[in-house]
Amino acid sequence: MQRILIILLAALCVAACGRRRSAPSQETAVSASRPRVFLPAIAPAGLSPDEQRDYLRRHYWDRFDFTDTLFVSEADTVQMIEAFARYIAVLSDRPADSAPMDSLMRRASSSKPMLDYFAMLAGTVLHDPNSPLRNDEFYIPVLRAQLASPFYDEYERIAPQYDLEMAMQNRLGQPANDFRYTLASGASGTLYGLQAEYVLLFINNPGCAMCREIREAITSSPMLSEMIERGRLKVLALYPDEDLTEWRDYRDHIPASWINAYDKRCVVREKSLYDLHAIPALYLLDSRKRVLVKDSTDVAQIEEIIDRRA
């Protein structure tokens, strides 16, 4: 979360430095020094933690005036991103339940400035590859709201339409897209041909710092290491690009117990079978290849899901 805020602050700074400004009036200066903030609803103290979370699912935005388009230009956007992230954290115990986001985006669709603003907040928290809270199930209602809006023209619909098509791939609880992989020996196999209680698809690039961190986190996990040893978990490390020189030079870094492979014809990328806008990415699949964890970089989350199912 802190990384997202740093990125946003840097972007705001660049944008501010790139604009020419006239001398502000005293009233403008006072207004600029006091950006407007949003105060979420507070759950009644007498409720249990679960009841408080349910209350905030329904009432978090009760104090927000979705008809006040002036707020968009006067808001403390960093504070709003933090508030939006806290809301997503409230929803995160039900990662496949998009109903609260559907409700929020209906309210945010009252005007184009408001819809644009909430789409920006959602894009930062739910779609940015650096966000630990990214979640396609929550982002799909945002994209659908943009596509259904009468405020957007054909050109403005291009980006959300593409993002929606990608978000609809490999959804939680649904079968993952199958593909053929190739080994260094030239032998090949398919994702669905892997027989194990769990399959962990690790889309990676050689030399990627975060890829190395994830690889080390998997190999240092007692739970995952034991499952790999017993054959309960198979890890498929997939390189999705066409330049194999670096991949071949790096293959000794991949544990021998893993399946280290590449996409020979770049089918995953060319047919958009998986969203490759951010690498690395982890997909945890069950024995029937249904998606349990989608596009994650959190090995602890993988362990938690497996442990919960056990």
Protein backbone atom coordinates (compact mmCIF):
# COMPACT_ATOMS: atom_id res chain seq x y z
CA MET A 1 0.00 0.00 0.00
CA GLN A 2 2.80 2.41 0.85
CA ARG A 3 4.39 1.73 -2.54
CA ILE A 4 1.17 2.76 -4.31
CA LEU A 5 1.00 6.01 -2.39
CA ILE A 6 4.61 6.81 -3.24
CA ILE A 7 3.92 6.20 -6.93
CA LEU A 8 0.83 8.38 -6.79
CA LEU A 9 2.63 11.21 -5.01
CA ALA A 10 5.39 11.13 -7.62
CA ALA A 11 2.82 11.26 -10.42
CA LEU A 12 1.01 14.17 -8.83
CA CYS A 13 4.29 16.00 -8.36
CA VAL A 14 5.24 15.55 -12.02
CA ALA A 15 1.81 16.72 -13.15
CA ALA A 16 1.96 19.77 -10.92
CA CYS A 17 5.48 20.72 -12.07
CA GLY A 18 4.45 20.39 -15.71
CA ARG A 19 1.63 22.97 -15.49
CA ARG A 20 2.09 26.70 -15.77
CA ARG A 21 0.33 28.56 -13.00
CA SER A 22 -0.75 32.13 -12.54
CA ALA A 23 -0.43 33.77 -9.16
CA PRO A 24 -3.21 32.38 -6.94
CA SER A 25 -5.68 34.61 -5.17
CA GLN A 26 -5.82 34.50 -1.39
CA GLU A 27 -9.11 32.58 -1.53
CA THR A 28 -7.66 30.06 -3.99
CA ALA A 29 -4.53 29.62 -1.90
CA VAL A 30 -6.57 28.91 1.22
CA SER A 31 -8.72 26.43 -0.69
CA ALA A 32 -5.69 24.71 -2.15
CA SER A 33 -4.07 24.38 1.26
CA ARG A 34 -7.13 22.62 2.65
CA PRO A 35 -8.15 19.81 0.32
CA ARG A 36 -11.44 18.17 1.10
CA VAL A 37 -11.40 14.74 2.70
CA PHE A 38 -13.89 11.91 3.04
CA LEU A 39 -14.77 10.36 6.39
CA PRO A 40 -16.13 6.82 6.04
CA ALA A 41 -18.98 5.55 8.18
CA ILE A 42 -18.07 4.09 11.56
CA ALA A 43 -19.53 0.76 12.60
CA PRO A 44 -21.40 0.75 15.96
CA ALA A 45 -19.09 -0.26 18.78
CA GLY A 46 -21.48 -2.88 20.15
CA LEU A 47 -21.15 -5.11 17.11
CA SER A 48 -18.81 -8.07 16.85
CA PRO A 49 -15.87 -7.77 14.40
CA ASP A 50 -17.74 -9.78 11.77
CA GLU A 51 -20.86 -7.68 12.26
CA GLN A 52 -18.82 -4.49 12.01
CA ARG A 53 -17.34 -5.70 8.72
CA ASP A 54 -20.82 -6.50 7.39
CA TYR A 55 -22.05 -3.08 8.50
CA LEU A 56 -19.22 -1.35 6.62
CA ARG A 57 -19.93 -3.40 3.50
CA ARG A 58 -23.31 -1.70 3.37
CA HIS A 59 -22.67 1.72 4.89
CA TYR A 60 -19.01 2.66 4.27
CA TRP A 61 -19.91 5.35 1.70
CA ASP A 62 -23.05 6.69 3.42
CA ARG A 63 -21.37 10.03 4.19
CA PHE A 64 -20.20 10.57 0.62
CA ASP A 65 -22.24 12.85 -1.64
CA PHE A 66 -22.06 11.29 -5.11
CA THR A 67 -23.77 14.33 -6.63
CA ASP A 68 -21.03 16.72 -5.46
CA THR A 69 -18.80 16.84 -8.54
CA LEU A 70 -16.88 19.78 -7.08
CA PHE A 71 -15.42 17.36 -4.54
CA VAL A 72 -13.53 15.63 -7.35
CA SER A 73 -11.45 18.73 -8.10
CA GLU A 74 -10.96 19.67 -4.44
CA ALA A 75 -10.37 16.25 -2.88
CA ASP A 76 -7.22 15.05 -1.19
CA THR A 77 -6.76 12.22 -3.69
CA VAL A 78 -4.10 10.43 -1.68
CA GLN A 79 -6.49 10.33 1.26
CA MET A 80 -9.25 9.08 -1.04
CA ILE A 81 -7.05 6.27 -2.36
CA GLU A 82 -6.31 5.28 1.23
CA ALA A 83 -10.04 5.35 2.04
CA PHE A 84 -10.84 3.29 -1.04
CA ALA A 85 -8.12 0.79 -0.15
CA ARG A 86 -9.55 0.41 3.36
CA TYR A 87 -12.95 -0.28 1.82
CA ILE A 88 -11.45 -3.00 -0.38
CA ALA A 89 -9.74 -4.45 2.68
CA VAL A 90 -13.17 -4.68 4.33
CA LEU A 91 -14.46 -6.63 1.32
CA SER A 92 -11.38 -8.80 0.91
CA ASP A 93 -12.55 -11.69 3.11
CA ARG A 94 -15.03 -12.47 0.32
CA PRO A 95 -12.82 -12.02 -2.76
CA ALA A 96 -15.42 -13.39 -5.19
CA ASP A 97 -18.36 -11.32 -3.87
CA SER A 98 -18.62 -8.31 -6.17
CA ALA A 99 -22.08 -7.17 -5.01
CA PRO A 100 -20.77 -4.29 -2.82
CA MET A 101 -18.68 -2.99 -5.73
CA ASP A 102 -21.71 -3.24 -8.04
CA SER A 103 -23.65 -1.09 -5.60
CA LEU A 104 -20.83 1.44 -5.23
CA MET A 105 -20.35 1.87 -8.97
CA ARG A 106 -24.08 2.39 -9.54
CA ARG A 107 -23.90 5.32 -7.13
CA ALA A 108 -20.67 6.60 -8.66
CA SER A 109 -22.24 6.58 -12.13
CA SER A 110 -24.30 9.68 -11.33
CA SER A 111 -22.04 11.86 -13.51
CA LYS A 112 -18.99 11.51 -15.73
CA PRO A 113 -16.62 13.36 -13.35
CA MET A 114 -17.69 11.12 -10.48
CA LEU A 115 -17.48 7.93 -12.54
CA ASP A 116 -14.05 8.93 -13.88
CA TYR A 117 -12.84 9.64 -10.36
CA PHE A 118 -13.99 6.33 -8.88
CA ALA A 119 -12.65 4.47 -11.90
CA MET A 120 -9.28 6.08 -11.18
CA LEU A 121 -9.44 5.07 -7.51
CA ALA A 122 -10.40 1.53 -8.44
CA GLY A 123 -7.72 1.30 -11.11
CA THR A 124 -5.05 2.33 -8.61
CA VAL A 125 -6.13 -0.08 -5.88
CA LEU A 126 -7.63 -3.00 -7.81
CA HIS A 127 -5.76 -3.05 -11.13
CA ASP A 128 -2.31 -1.55 -10.61
CA PRO A 129 0.23 -4.41 -10.78
CA ASN A 130 2.01 -3.01 -7.70
CA SER A 131 -1.12 -3.07 -5.55
CA PRO A 132 -1.36 -5.85 -2.95
CA LEU A 133 -5.16 -5.47 -3.13
CA ARG A 134 -5.62 -5.99 -6.87
CA ASN A 135 -8.67 -8.11 -7.53
CA ASP A 136 -10.35 -8.64 -10.90
CA GLU A 137 -13.63 -9.74 -9.34
CA PHE A 138 -13.95 -6.33 -7.67
CA TYR A 139 -12.65 -4.52 -10.75
CA ILE A 140 -15.14 -6.09 -13.18
CA PRO A 141 -18.08 -4.00 -11.85
CA VAL A 142 -15.99 -0.86 -12.41
CA LEU A 143 -15.32 -1.76 -16.03
CA ARG A 144 -18.94 -2.72 -16.63
CA ALA A 145 -20.07 0.60 -15.18
CA GLN A 146 -17.79 2.45 -17.60
CA LEU A 147 -19.04 0.44 -20.58
CA ALA A 148 -22.69 0.91 -19.59
CA SER A 149 -22.32 4.64 -19.00
CA PRO A 150 -23.93 7.04 -21.52
CA PHE A 151 -21.13 9.51 -20.71
CA TYR A 152 -18.44 7.55 -22.58
CA ASP A 153 -17.94 7.64 -26.34
CA GLU A 154 -16.71 4.79 -28.51
CA TYR A 155 -13.06 5.78 -28.13
CA GLU A 156 -13.30 5.99 -24.32
CA ARG A 157 -14.73 2.47 -24.20
CA ILE A 158 -11.72 0.83 -25.86
CA ALA A 159 -9.52 0.55 -22.76
CA PRO A 160 -12.22 -0.68 -20.33
CA GLN A 161 -13.48 -3.15 -22.94
CA TYR A 162 -10.02 -4.68 -23.30
CA ASP A 163 -9.48 -4.72 -19.53
CA LEU A 164 -12.85 -6.42 -19.05
CA GLU A 165 -12.01 -9.12 -21.58
CA MET A 166 -8.77 -9.82 -19.70
CA ALA A 167 -10.45 -9.71 -16.27
CA MET A 168 -13.00 -12.29 -17.40
CA GLN A 169 -10.22 -14.80 -18.06
CA ASN A 170 -9.35 -17.36 -15.34
CA ARG A 171 -11.85 -16.08 -12.80
CA LEU A 172 -11.90 -17.39 -9.23
CA GLY A 173 -13.72 -20.71 -9.01
CA GLN A 174 -13.70 -21.16 -12.78
CA PRO A 175 -11.51 -23.52 -14.88
CA ALA A 176 -8.19 -21.99 -15.89
CA ASN A 177 -7.32 -21.65 -19.56
CA ASP A 178 -5.32 -24.62 -20.80
CA PHE A 179 -2.14 -24.24 -22.85
CA ARG A 180 0.81 -26.29 -24.08
CA TYR A 181 4.27 -25.77 -22.60
CA THR A 182 7.68 -26.91 -23.83
CA LEU A 183 10.65 -28.16 -21.82
CA ALA A 184 14.34 -27.57 -22.54
CA SER A 185 14.52 -31.14 -23.90
CA GLY A 186 11.91 -30.30 -26.53
CA ALA A 187 9.24 -32.44 -24.85
CA SER A 188 5.93 -30.77 -24.25
CA GLY A 189 2.86 -31.08 -22.09
CA THR A 190 -0.31 -29.25 -21.16
CA LEU A 191 -1.45 -27.52 -18.02
CA TYR A 192 -4.43 -29.90 -17.79
CA GLY A 193 -2.11 -32.85 -18.21
CA LEU A 194 -0.51 -32.18 -14.82
CA GLN A 195 -1.97 -34.54 -12.25
CA ALA A 196 -1.76 -33.30 -8.67
CA GLU A 197 -3.97 -32.11 -5.85
CA TYR A 198 -2.76 -28.57 -6.59
CA VAL A 199 -0.92 -26.90 -9.46
CA LEU A 200 0.92 -23.65 -8.91
CA LEU A 201 1.43 -21.77 -12.19
CA PHE A 202 4.35 -19.37 -11.82
CA ILE A 203 4.60 -17.01 -14.81
CA ASN A 204 8.07 -15.51 -14.65
CA ASN A 205 10.95 -13.88 -16.48
CA PRO A 206 14.65 -14.67 -15.98
CA GLY A 207 16.53 -12.07 -13.97
CA CYS A 208 13.33 -10.46 -12.62
CA ALA A 209 14.01 -9.41 -9.00
CA MET A 210 10.49 -10.12 -7.77
CA CYS A 211 10.49 -13.45 -9.62
CA ARG A 212 13.57 -14.40 -7.61
CA GLU A 213 11.89 -13.33 -4.38
CA ILE A 214 8.83 -15.45 -5.13
CA ARG A 215 10.97 -18.43 -6.11
CA GLU A 216 12.87 -18.19 -2.84
CA ALA A 217 9.64 -17.78 -0.87
CA ILE A 218 8.23 -20.96 -2.40
CA THR A 219 11.41 -23.00 -1.84
CA SER A 220 11.72 -21.77 1.75
CA SER A 221 8.11 -22.66 2.62
CA PRO A 222 8.02 -25.88 4.68
CA MET A 223 4.39 -26.47 3.71
CA LEU A 224 4.88 -26.07 -0.04
CA SER A 225 8.20 -27.92 -0.05
CA GLU A 226 6.62 -30.94 1.65
CA MET A 227 3.67 -30.88 -0.73
CA ILE A 228 6.01 -30.78 -3.72
CA GLU A 229 8.05 -33.67 -2.32
CA ARG A 230 4.92 -35.77 -1.77
CA GLY A 231 3.56 -34.96 -5.23
CA ARG A 232 0.55 -33.11 -3.88
CA LEU A 233 1.68 -29.84 -5.46
CA LYS A 234 3.26 -29.35 -8.87
CA VAL A 235 4.89 -26.04 -9.75
CA LEU A 236 4.90 -25.06 -13.41
CA ALA A 237 7.35 -22.19 -13.99
CA LEU A 238 6.36 -20.72 -17.36
CA TYR A 239 8.41 -18.27 -19.40
CA PRO A 240 5.92 -16.56 -21.78
CA ASP A 241 8.25 -14.78 -24.24
CA GLU A 242 10.09 -15.81 -27.40
CA ASP A 243 13.75 -14.97 -26.64
CA LEU A 244 15.07 -18.22 -25.15
CA THR A 245 18.74 -17.30 -24.71
CA GLU A 246 18.28 -15.73 -21.31
CA TRP A 247 15.80 -18.45 -20.29
CA ARG A 248 18.31 -21.20 -21.08
CA ASP A 249 21.07 -19.37 -19.18
CA TYR A 250 18.80 -19.01 -16.16
CA ARG A 251 17.23 -22.47 -16.03
CA ASP A 252 19.67 -23.84 -13.45
CA HIS A 253 18.19 -21.37 -10.93
CA ILE A 254 14.81 -23.12 -11.09
CA PRO A 255 14.51 -26.05 -8.64
CA ALA A 256 14.79 -29.47 -10.27
CA SER A 257 11.52 -30.53 -8.64
CA TRP A 258 9.65 -27.86 -10.61
CA ILE A 259 8.52 -28.02 -14.24
CA ASN A 260 10.59 -25.33 -15.95
CA ALA A 261 9.01 -24.54 -19.31
CA TYR A 262 8.41 -21.93 -21.97
CA ASP A 263 5.58 -21.06 -24.32
CA LYS A 264 7.03 -22.16 -27.67
CA ARG A 265 4.65 -20.21 -29.90
CA CYS A 266 3.77 -17.47 -27.38
CA VAL A 267 0.17 -18.68 -27.49
CA VAL A 268 -0.57 -17.49 -23.95
CA ARG A 269 0.33 -13.95 -24.94
CA GLU A 270 -1.02 -13.94 -28.52
CA LYS A 271 -4.40 -15.39 -27.54
CA SER A 272 -4.55 -13.44 -24.25
CA LEU A 273 -5.09 -16.64 -22.27
CA TYR A 274 -3.56 -14.98 -19.19
CA ASP A 275 -3.05 -11.33 -18.30
CA LEU A 276 0.66 -10.64 -18.72
CA HIS A 277 0.57 -6.90 -17.98
CA ALA A 278 2.45 -7.67 -14.77
CA ILE A 279 5.05 -10.40 -14.29
CA PRO A 280 5.55 -12.35 -12.05
CA ALA A 281 2.15 -13.87 -11.43
CA LEU A 282 1.00 -16.87 -9.39
CA TYR A 283 -2.14 -18.90 -10.11
CA LEU A 284 -3.12 -21.64 -7.68
CA LEU A 285 -5.32 -24.32 -9.25
CA ASP A 286 -7.04 -27.31 -7.70
CA SER A 287 -6.96 -30.84 -9.13
CA ARG A 288 -9.68 -29.94 -11.65
CA LYS A 289 -7.72 -26.82 -12.65
CA ARG A 290 -10.23 -24.44 -11.11
CA VAL A 291 -8.69 -21.13 -10.05
CA LEU A 292 -8.22 -20.73 -6.30
CA VAL A 293 -5.80 -17.77 -6.40
CA LYS A 294 -5.49 -15.48 -9.40
CA ASP A 295 -2.59 -13.25 -10.49
CA SER A 296 -0.94 -13.07 -7.07
CA THR A 297 2.61 -12.40 -5.88
CA ASP A 298 1.89 -13.43 -2.29
CA VAL A 299 3.20 -16.89 -1.39
CA ALA A 300 1.67 -16.57 2.07
CA GLN A 301 -1.73 -16.24 0.42
CA ILE A 302 -1.11 -19.49 -1.45
CA GLU A 303 -0.28 -21.22 1.84
CA GLU A 304 -3.35 -19.74 3.53
CA ILE A 305 -5.74 -20.94 0.83
CA ILE A 306 -4.31 -24.46 0.87
CA ASP A 307 -4.38 -24.56 4.67
CA ARG A 308 -7.96 -23.32 4.76
CA ARG A 309 -9.07 -26.01 2.30
CA ALA A 310 -7.34 -28.67 4.36
